[in-house]
Amino acid sequence: MLPGEANALLRVLNDAGRVVLAPHLEPVPFRNGDMIVRGGKHLLPVDRHRPGTRLS
């Protein structure tokens, strides 16, 4: 991947309304309507109205 491609990918995904924290994380809808981001073995709950923000 060339420099800048990851940032472009993040912008495209965010513009599409999907929540991403990093290029290798996969956004998935959660049962309560929020989004969780699957990254490796970890599931990180995030606030889809504030991309990049984890829910407590």
C-alpha atoms as a PDB file:
ATOM      1  CA  MET A   1       0.000   0.000   0.000  1.00  0.00           C
ATOM      2  CA  LEU A   2       1.376   3.370  -0.978  1.00  0.00           C
ATOM      3  CA  PRO A   3       1.580   6.254   1.518  1.00  0.00           C
ATOM      4  CA  GLY A   4      -1.739   8.067   1.618  1.00  0.00           C
ATOM      5  CA  GLU A   5      -3.764   5.088   0.404  1.00  0.00           C
ATOM      6  CA  ALA A   6      -4.755   4.144   3.943  1.00  0.00           C
ATOM      7  CA  ASN A   7      -5.947   7.685   4.659  1.00  0.00           C
ATOM      8  CA  ALA A   8      -7.872   7.739   1.392  1.00  0.00           C
ATOM      9  CA  LEU A   9      -9.498   4.434   2.342  1.00  0.00           C
ATOM     10  CA  LEU A  10     -10.470   5.837   5.733  1.00  0.00           C
ATOM     11  CA  ARG A  11     -11.995   8.912   4.081  1.00  0.00           C
ATOM     12  CA  VAL A  12     -13.982   6.792   1.636  1.00  0.00           C
ATOM     13  CA  LEU A  13     -15.309   4.536   4.389  1.00  0.00           C
ATOM     14  CA  ASN A  14     -16.175   7.490   6.617  1.00  0.00           C
ATOM     15  CA  ASP A  15     -17.887   9.296   3.733  1.00  0.00           C
ATOM     16  CA  ALA A  16     -19.954   6.165   3.206  1.00  0.00           C
ATOM     17  CA  GLY A  17     -21.120   6.412   6.820  1.00  0.00           C
ATOM     18  CA  ARG A  18     -19.088   3.489   8.076  1.00  0.00           C
ATOM     19  CA  VAL A  19     -17.070   3.779  11.240  1.00  0.00           C
ATOM     20  CA  VAL A  20     -13.409   2.861  10.995  1.00  0.00           C
ATOM     21  CA  LEU A  21     -10.520   3.373  13.386  1.00  0.00           C
ATOM     22  CA  ALA A  22      -7.749   2.039  11.141  1.00  0.00           C
ATOM     23  CA  PRO A  23      -7.509   0.522   7.650  1.00  0.00           C
ATOM     24  CA  HIS A  24      -7.261  -3.056   8.945  1.00  0.00           C
ATOM     25  CA  LEU A  25     -10.356  -2.797  11.169  1.00  0.00           C
ATOM     26  CA  GLU A  26     -13.678  -3.961   9.816  1.00  0.00           C
ATOM     27  CA  PRO A  27     -16.854  -2.063  10.773  1.00  0.00           C
ATOM     28  CA  VAL A  28     -19.803  -4.264  11.677  1.00  0.00           C
ATOM     29  CA  PRO A  29     -23.341  -3.308  12.739  1.00  0.00           C
ATOM     30  CA  PHE A  30     -24.200  -4.159  16.320  1.00  0.00           C
ATOM     31  CA  ARG A  31     -27.595  -5.289  17.563  1.00  0.00           C
ATOM     32  CA  ASN A  32     -28.410  -1.994  19.313  1.00  0.00           C
ATOM     33  CA  GLY A  33     -27.793   0.056  16.164  1.00  0.00           C
ATOM     34  CA  ASP A  34     -24.327   1.221  17.168  1.00  0.00           C
ATOM     35  CA  MET A  35     -21.268   0.004  15.360  1.00  0.00           C
ATOM     36  CA  ILE A  36     -18.511  -2.247  16.570  1.00  0.00           C
ATOM     37  CA  VAL A  37     -15.176  -2.482  14.827  1.00  0.00           C
ATOM     38  CA  ARG A  38     -13.584  -5.872  14.432  1.00  0.00           C
ATOM     39  CA  GLY A  39      -9.806  -5.716  14.598  1.00  0.00           C
ATOM     40  CA  GLY A  40      -7.978  -8.984  14.970  1.00  0.00           C
ATOM     41  CA  LYS A  41      -9.379 -10.731  18.038  1.00  0.00           C
ATOM     42  CA  HIS A  42     -10.821  -7.587  19.623  1.00  0.00           C
ATOM     43  CA  LEU A  43     -14.222  -5.982  19.230  1.00  0.00           C
ATOM     44  CA  LEU A  44     -14.171  -2.271  19.924  1.00  0.00           C
ATOM     45  CA  PRO A  45     -17.515  -0.543  20.445  1.00  0.00           C
ATOM     46  CA  VAL A  46     -17.554   2.847  18.730  1.00  0.00           C
ATOM     47  CA  ASP A  47     -20.013   5.714  18.462  1.00  0.00           C
ATOM     48  CA  ARG A  48     -21.090   5.998  14.831  1.00  0.00           C
ATOM     49  CA  HIS A  49     -22.060   9.653  15.386  1.00  0.00           C
ATOM     50  CA  ARG A  50     -18.518  10.452  16.507  1.00  0.00           C
ATOM     51  CA  PRO A  51     -16.212   8.314  14.339  1.00  0.00           C
ATOM     52  CA  GLY A  52     -13.163   7.095  16.172  1.00  0.00           C
ATOM     53  CA  THR A  53     -14.833   7.475  19.580  1.00  0.00           C
ATOM     54  CA  ARG A  54     -15.163   4.407  21.752  1.00  0.00           C
ATOM     55  CA  LEU A  55     -18.319   3.913  23.767  1.00  0.00           C
ATOM     56  CA  SER A  56     -17.843   3.408  27.493  1.00  0.00           C
END
